[in-house]
Amino acid sequence: MRQPPGYKSKKYPDYVCKLDRALYRLQQSGRQWFTEISSVLEKLGFTKLKWANGVFLKNKVILLLYVDDIVLLGKTNEEIQMTVKLLANNFDLKIMGKTRALLGI
């Protein structure tokens, strides 16, 4: 990684910046996020479908992932709430309520 043009430090012209985590608007940000959340979901027992990149299954729970939005489908509310608790242990969640419309699938 090199310092971007115009951002070189006169005091430290040969220093390189280390990116500790993905930032918004970087080309690799989306991929970094998907890699991180996929890893956590797999540790929680979810399996990613081979034919659908953003669909994960665990027992009777289906997790749909689109960028940073998650939709959970389950047979019972208890299954969904348990999954939410597991996710909340790993990520900051903003619960938006029940899904009323879903576009793009």
N, C-alpha and C. Protein backbone atom coordinates (compact mmCIF):
# COMPACT_ATOMS: atom_id res chain seq x y z
N MET A 1 0.85 -1.18 0.00
CA MET A 1 0.00 0.00 0.00
C MET A 1 0.89 1.23 0.00
N ARG A 2 0.52 2.20 -0.80
CA ARG A 2 1.28 3.45 -0.87
C ARG A 2 0.40 4.59 -0.39
N GLN A 3 1.06 5.66 0.04
CA GLN A 3 0.29 6.85 0.39
C GLN A 3 -0.33 7.40 -0.89
N PRO A 4 -1.58 7.85 -0.83
CA PRO A 4 -2.21 8.38 -2.04
C PRO A 4 -1.50 9.63 -2.53
N PRO A 5 -1.56 9.90 -3.82
CA PRO A 5 -0.94 11.13 -4.35
C PRO A 5 -1.50 12.35 -3.62
N GLY A 6 -0.62 13.25 -3.25
CA GLY A 6 -1.03 14.46 -2.56
C GLY A 6 -1.10 14.31 -1.05
N TYR A 7 -0.95 13.10 -0.53
CA TYR A 7 -1.02 12.87 0.91
C TYR A 7 0.34 12.48 1.50
N LYS A 8 1.38 12.52 0.71
CA LYS A 8 2.69 12.13 1.23
C LYS A 8 3.16 13.11 2.29
N SER A 9 3.66 12.56 3.35
CA SER A 9 4.20 13.36 4.44
C SER A 9 5.61 13.81 4.07
N LYS A 10 5.87 15.09 4.23
CA LYS A 10 7.22 15.59 3.94
C LYS A 10 8.21 15.06 4.97
N LYS A 11 7.73 14.86 6.19
CA LYS A 11 8.59 14.36 7.26
C LYS A 11 8.87 12.87 7.10
N TYR A 12 7.87 12.11 6.61
CA TYR A 12 8.00 10.65 6.46
C TYR A 12 7.57 10.23 5.05
N PRO A 13 8.32 10.57 4.03
CA PRO A 13 7.88 10.29 2.65
C PRO A 13 7.84 8.80 2.31
N ASP A 14 8.59 7.99 3.04
CA ASP A 14 8.64 6.56 2.72
C ASP A 14 7.72 5.71 3.60
N TYR A 15 6.96 6.35 4.49
CA TYR A 15 6.05 5.60 5.34
C TYR A 15 4.87 5.08 4.53
N VAL A 16 4.38 3.96 4.95
CA VAL A 16 3.21 3.36 4.32
C VAL A 16 2.12 3.24 5.38
N CYS A 17 0.89 3.42 4.97
CA CYS A 17 -0.24 3.32 5.90
C CYS A 17 -0.73 1.88 5.95
N LYS A 18 -0.98 1.38 7.15
CA LYS A 18 -1.56 0.05 7.31
C LYS A 18 -3.04 0.21 7.59
N LEU A 19 -3.86 -0.43 6.77
CA LEU A 19 -5.30 -0.37 6.93
C LEU A 19 -5.72 -1.51 7.85
N ASP A 20 -6.19 -1.17 9.05
CA ASP A 20 -6.58 -2.19 10.03
C ASP A 20 -7.93 -2.81 9.73
N ARG A 21 -8.81 -2.07 9.12
CA ARG A 21 -10.13 -2.60 8.75
C ARG A 21 -10.65 -1.83 7.55
N ALA A 22 -11.60 -2.42 6.88
CA ALA A 22 -12.15 -1.80 5.68
C ALA A 22 -12.91 -0.53 6.03
N LEU A 23 -12.83 0.44 5.16
CA LEU A 23 -13.53 1.70 5.33
C LEU A 23 -14.58 1.84 4.24
N TYR A 24 -15.62 2.63 4.53
CA TYR A 24 -16.62 2.89 3.51
C TYR A 24 -15.96 3.50 2.28
N ARG A 25 -16.49 3.16 1.14
CA ARG A 25 -16.09 3.68 -0.16
C ARG A 25 -14.79 3.12 -0.70
N LEU A 26 -14.12 2.29 0.03
CA LEU A 26 -12.95 1.63 -0.54
C LEU A 26 -13.43 0.48 -1.43
N GLN A 27 -12.68 0.21 -2.47
CA GLN A 27 -13.08 -0.82 -3.41
C GLN A 27 -13.24 -2.18 -2.73
N GLN A 28 -12.41 -2.47 -1.74
CA GLN A 28 -12.44 -3.79 -1.10
C GLN A 28 -13.36 -3.85 0.13
N SER A 29 -14.02 -2.78 0.48
CA SER A 29 -14.83 -2.74 1.71
C SER A 29 -15.93 -3.79 1.73
N GLY A 30 -16.68 -3.89 0.65
CA GLY A 30 -17.77 -4.86 0.59
C GLY A 30 -17.29 -6.29 0.74
N ARG A 31 -16.20 -6.59 0.07
CA ARG A 31 -15.64 -7.95 0.14
C ARG A 31 -15.12 -8.24 1.54
N GLN A 32 -14.47 -7.27 2.18
CA GLN A 32 -13.96 -7.45 3.54
C GLN A 32 -15.11 -7.73 4.51
N TRP A 33 -16.21 -6.98 4.37
CA TRP A 33 -17.35 -7.17 5.24
C TRP A 33 -17.95 -8.55 5.03
N PHE A 34 -18.12 -8.95 3.76
CA PHE A 34 -18.71 -10.25 3.48
C PHE A 34 -17.83 -11.37 4.03
N THR A 35 -16.52 -11.23 3.91
CA THR A 35 -15.60 -12.24 4.45
C THR A 35 -15.74 -12.32 5.96
N GLU A 36 -15.82 -11.17 6.62
CA GLU A 36 -15.93 -11.16 8.09
C GLU A 36 -17.25 -11.78 8.56
N ILE A 37 -18.36 -11.34 7.99
CA ILE A 37 -19.65 -11.85 8.47
C ILE A 37 -19.83 -13.31 8.10
N SER A 38 -19.31 -13.73 6.94
CA SER A 38 -19.39 -15.15 6.55
C SER A 38 -18.64 -16.02 7.55
N SER A 39 -17.48 -15.55 7.96
CA SER A 39 -16.67 -16.29 8.93
C SER A 39 -17.41 -16.44 10.26
N VAL A 40 -18.01 -15.36 10.73
CA VAL A 40 -18.76 -15.40 11.99
C VAL A 40 -19.96 -16.33 11.85
N LEU A 41 -20.70 -16.22 10.75
CA LEU A 41 -21.87 -17.07 10.56
C LEU A 41 -21.49 -18.55 10.52
N GLU A 42 -20.39 -18.86 9.87
CA GLU A 42 -19.94 -20.26 9.83
C GLU A 42 -19.57 -20.75 11.23
N LYS A 43 -18.94 -19.90 12.04
CA LYS A 43 -18.62 -20.28 13.42
C LYS A 43 -19.88 -20.48 14.26
N LEU A 44 -20.95 -19.79 13.89
CA LEU A 44 -22.23 -19.93 14.60
C LEU A 44 -23.04 -21.11 14.09
N GLY A 45 -22.51 -21.83 13.11
CA GLY A 45 -23.18 -23.03 12.62
C GLY A 45 -23.97 -22.86 11.34
N PHE A 46 -23.89 -21.70 10.72
CA PHE A 46 -24.59 -21.48 9.45
C PHE A 46 -23.78 -22.04 8.30
N THR A 47 -24.48 -22.45 7.26
CA THR A 47 -23.85 -22.95 6.03
C THR A 47 -24.28 -22.05 4.89
N LYS A 48 -23.31 -21.58 4.09
CA LYS A 48 -23.61 -20.73 2.94
C LYS A 48 -24.02 -21.61 1.77
N LEU A 49 -25.10 -21.24 1.12
CA LEU A 49 -25.52 -21.98 -0.07
C LEU A 49 -24.53 -21.74 -1.20
N LYS A 50 -24.18 -22.77 -1.93
CA LYS A 50 -23.21 -22.64 -3.02
C LYS A 50 -23.77 -21.85 -4.19
N TRP A 51 -25.06 -21.96 -4.41
CA TRP A 51 -25.68 -21.32 -5.56
C TRP A 51 -26.28 -19.95 -5.25
N ALA A 52 -26.22 -19.50 -4.01
CA ALA A 52 -26.75 -18.18 -3.63
C ALA A 52 -25.80 -17.57 -2.61
N ASN A 53 -25.02 -16.61 -3.03
CA ASN A 53 -23.94 -16.07 -2.21
C ASN A 53 -24.38 -15.45 -0.90
N GLY A 54 -25.56 -14.88 -0.83
CA GLY A 54 -25.99 -14.20 0.39
C GLY A 54 -27.02 -14.95 1.20
N VAL A 55 -27.10 -16.27 1.01
CA VAL A 55 -28.09 -17.06 1.74
C VAL A 55 -27.37 -18.07 2.62
N PHE A 56 -27.72 -18.06 3.92
CA PHE A 56 -27.10 -18.96 4.89
C PHE A 56 -28.21 -19.74 5.59
N LEU A 57 -27.93 -21.01 5.90
CA LEU A 57 -28.91 -21.87 6.56
C LEU A 57 -28.34 -22.43 7.86
N LYS A 58 -29.21 -22.54 8.85
CA LYS A 58 -28.87 -23.22 10.10
C LYS A 58 -30.15 -23.83 10.65
N ASN A 59 -30.20 -25.14 10.69
CA ASN A 59 -31.40 -25.84 11.13
C ASN A 59 -32.61 -25.32 10.37
N LYS A 60 -33.52 -24.67 11.07
CA LYS A 60 -34.74 -24.18 10.42
C LYS A 60 -34.74 -22.66 10.27
N VAL A 61 -33.56 -22.05 10.27
CA VAL A 61 -33.44 -20.60 10.11
C VAL A 61 -32.72 -20.31 8.79
N ILE A 62 -33.29 -19.38 8.04
CA ILE A 62 -32.67 -18.91 6.80
C ILE A 62 -32.25 -17.46 7.03
N LEU A 63 -31.00 -17.15 6.71
CA LEU A 63 -30.49 -15.80 6.84
C LEU A 63 -30.18 -15.28 5.45
N LEU A 64 -30.82 -14.17 5.08
CA LEU A 64 -30.55 -13.52 3.80
C LEU A 64 -29.68 -12.30 4.07
N LEU A 65 -28.59 -12.18 3.34
CA LEU A 65 -27.65 -11.08 3.53
C LEU A 65 -27.52 -10.30 2.24
N TYR A 66 -27.77 -9.00 2.33
CA TYR A 66 -27.55 -8.12 1.18
C TYR A 66 -26.79 -6.90 1.69
N VAL A 67 -25.55 -6.80 1.33
CA VAL A 67 -24.62 -5.77 1.79
C VAL A 67 -24.59 -5.79 3.32
N ASP A 68 -25.22 -4.82 3.98
CA ASP A 68 -25.22 -4.83 5.45
C ASP A 68 -26.63 -5.00 6.02
N ASP A 69 -27.53 -5.49 5.19
CA ASP A 69 -28.90 -5.78 5.63
C ASP A 69 -29.08 -7.28 5.78
N ILE A 70 -29.76 -7.68 6.84
CA ILE A 70 -30.01 -9.10 7.10
C ILE A 70 -31.51 -9.31 7.29
N VAL A 71 -32.02 -10.33 6.64
CA VAL A 71 -33.40 -10.76 6.84
C VAL A 71 -33.35 -12.18 7.39
N LEU A 72 -34.06 -12.42 8.48
CA LEU A 72 -34.11 -13.75 9.08
C LEU A 72 -35.48 -14.37 8.86
N LEU A 73 -35.49 -15.62 8.47
CA LEU A 73 -36.72 -16.38 8.30
C LEU A 73 -36.62 -17.62 9.16
N GLY A 74 -37.66 -17.90 9.91
CA GLY A 74 -37.66 -19.08 10.75
C GLY A 74 -39.07 -19.57 11.00
N LYS A 75 -39.17 -20.81 11.40
CA LYS A 75 -40.48 -21.39 11.65
C LYS A 75 -41.13 -20.80 12.90
N THR A 76 -40.30 -20.50 13.90
CA THR A 76 -40.84 -19.91 15.13
C THR A 76 -40.10 -18.61 15.47
N ASN A 77 -40.77 -17.76 16.22
CA ASN A 77 -40.16 -16.51 16.66
C ASN A 77 -38.98 -16.77 17.58
N GLU A 78 -39.02 -17.85 18.35
CA GLU A 78 -37.93 -18.20 19.27
C GLU A 78 -36.64 -18.48 18.49
N GLU A 79 -36.76 -19.18 17.37
CA GLU A 79 -35.58 -19.47 16.55
C GLU A 79 -34.96 -18.18 16.02
N ILE A 80 -35.80 -17.26 15.60
CA ILE A 80 -35.31 -15.98 15.08
C ILE A 80 -34.66 -15.18 16.20
N GLN A 81 -35.30 -15.11 17.37
CA GLN A 81 -34.75 -14.35 18.49
C GLN A 81 -33.41 -14.91 18.96
N MET A 82 -33.27 -16.22 18.96
CA MET A 82 -32.00 -16.84 19.33
C MET A 82 -30.91 -16.46 18.34
N THR A 83 -31.24 -16.44 17.06
CA THR A 83 -30.28 -16.05 16.04
C THR A 83 -29.89 -14.58 16.20
N VAL A 84 -30.86 -13.73 16.50
CA VAL A 84 -30.57 -12.31 16.73
C VAL A 84 -29.61 -12.15 17.90
N LYS A 85 -29.82 -12.90 18.97
CA LYS A 85 -28.92 -12.84 20.14
C LYS A 85 -27.50 -13.26 19.76
N LEU A 86 -27.39 -14.33 18.97
CA LEU A 86 -26.06 -14.78 18.54
C LEU A 86 -25.37 -13.71 17.70
N LEU A 87 -26.12 -13.09 16.80
CA LEU A 87 -25.54 -12.04 15.96
C LEU A 87 -25.17 -10.82 16.79
N ALA A 88 -26.00 -10.48 17.77
CA ALA A 88 -25.74 -9.31 18.62
C ALA A 88 -24.49 -9.49 19.47
N ASN A 89 -24.10 -10.73 19.74
CA ASN A 89 -22.86 -10.97 20.48
C ASN A 89 -21.63 -10.66 19.63
N ASN A 90 -21.80 -10.58 18.31
CA ASN A 90 -20.67 -10.37 17.40
C ASN A 90 -20.69 -9.04 16.67
N PHE A 91 -21.87 -8.44 16.54
CA PHE A 91 -22.01 -7.21 15.76
C PHE A 91 -22.97 -6.26 16.47
N ASP A 92 -22.82 -4.97 16.17
CA ASP A 92 -23.80 -3.98 16.61
C ASP A 92 -24.99 -4.08 15.66
N LEU A 93 -26.15 -4.37 16.20
CA LEU A 93 -27.34 -4.55 15.36
C LEU A 93 -28.31 -3.40 15.56
N LYS A 94 -29.01 -3.09 14.49
CA LYS A 94 -30.13 -2.16 14.55
C LYS A 94 -31.34 -2.94 14.06
N ILE A 95 -32.22 -3.29 14.98
CA ILE A 95 -33.39 -4.10 14.64
C ILE A 95 -34.45 -3.19 14.02
N MET A 96 -34.81 -3.48 12.79
CA MET A 96 -35.75 -2.64 12.04
C MET A 96 -37.18 -3.16 12.10
N GLY A 97 -37.40 -4.30 12.73
CA GLY A 97 -38.74 -4.85 12.81
C GLY A 97 -38.99 -5.87 11.72
N LYS A 98 -40.25 -6.20 11.55
CA LYS A 98 -40.62 -7.21 10.55
C LYS A 98 -40.44 -6.65 9.14
N THR A 99 -40.04 -7.52 8.24
CA THR A 99 -39.87 -7.14 6.85
C THR A 99 -41.24 -7.02 6.20
N ARG A 100 -41.50 -5.87 5.58
CA ARG A 100 -42.78 -5.65 4.90
C ARG A 100 -42.65 -5.81 3.39
N ALA A 101 -41.46 -5.55 2.86
CA ALA A 101 -41.22 -5.69 1.43
C ALA A 101 -39.77 -6.06 1.23
N LEU A 102 -39.50 -6.84 0.21
CA LEU A 102 -38.14 -7.27 -0.08
C LEU A 102 -37.94 -7.18 -1.59
N LEU A 103 -37.00 -6.37 -2.01
CA LEU A 103 -36.73 -6.18 -3.43
C LEU A 103 -35.39 -6.77 -3.80
N GLY A 104 -35.25 -7.20 -5.01
CA GLY A 104 -33.95 -7.60 -5.53
C GLY A 104 -33.59 -9.05 -5.38
N ILE A 105 -34.49 -9.89 -4.94
CA ILE A 105 -34.16 -11.31 -4.84
C ILE A 105 -34.98 -12.06 -5.86
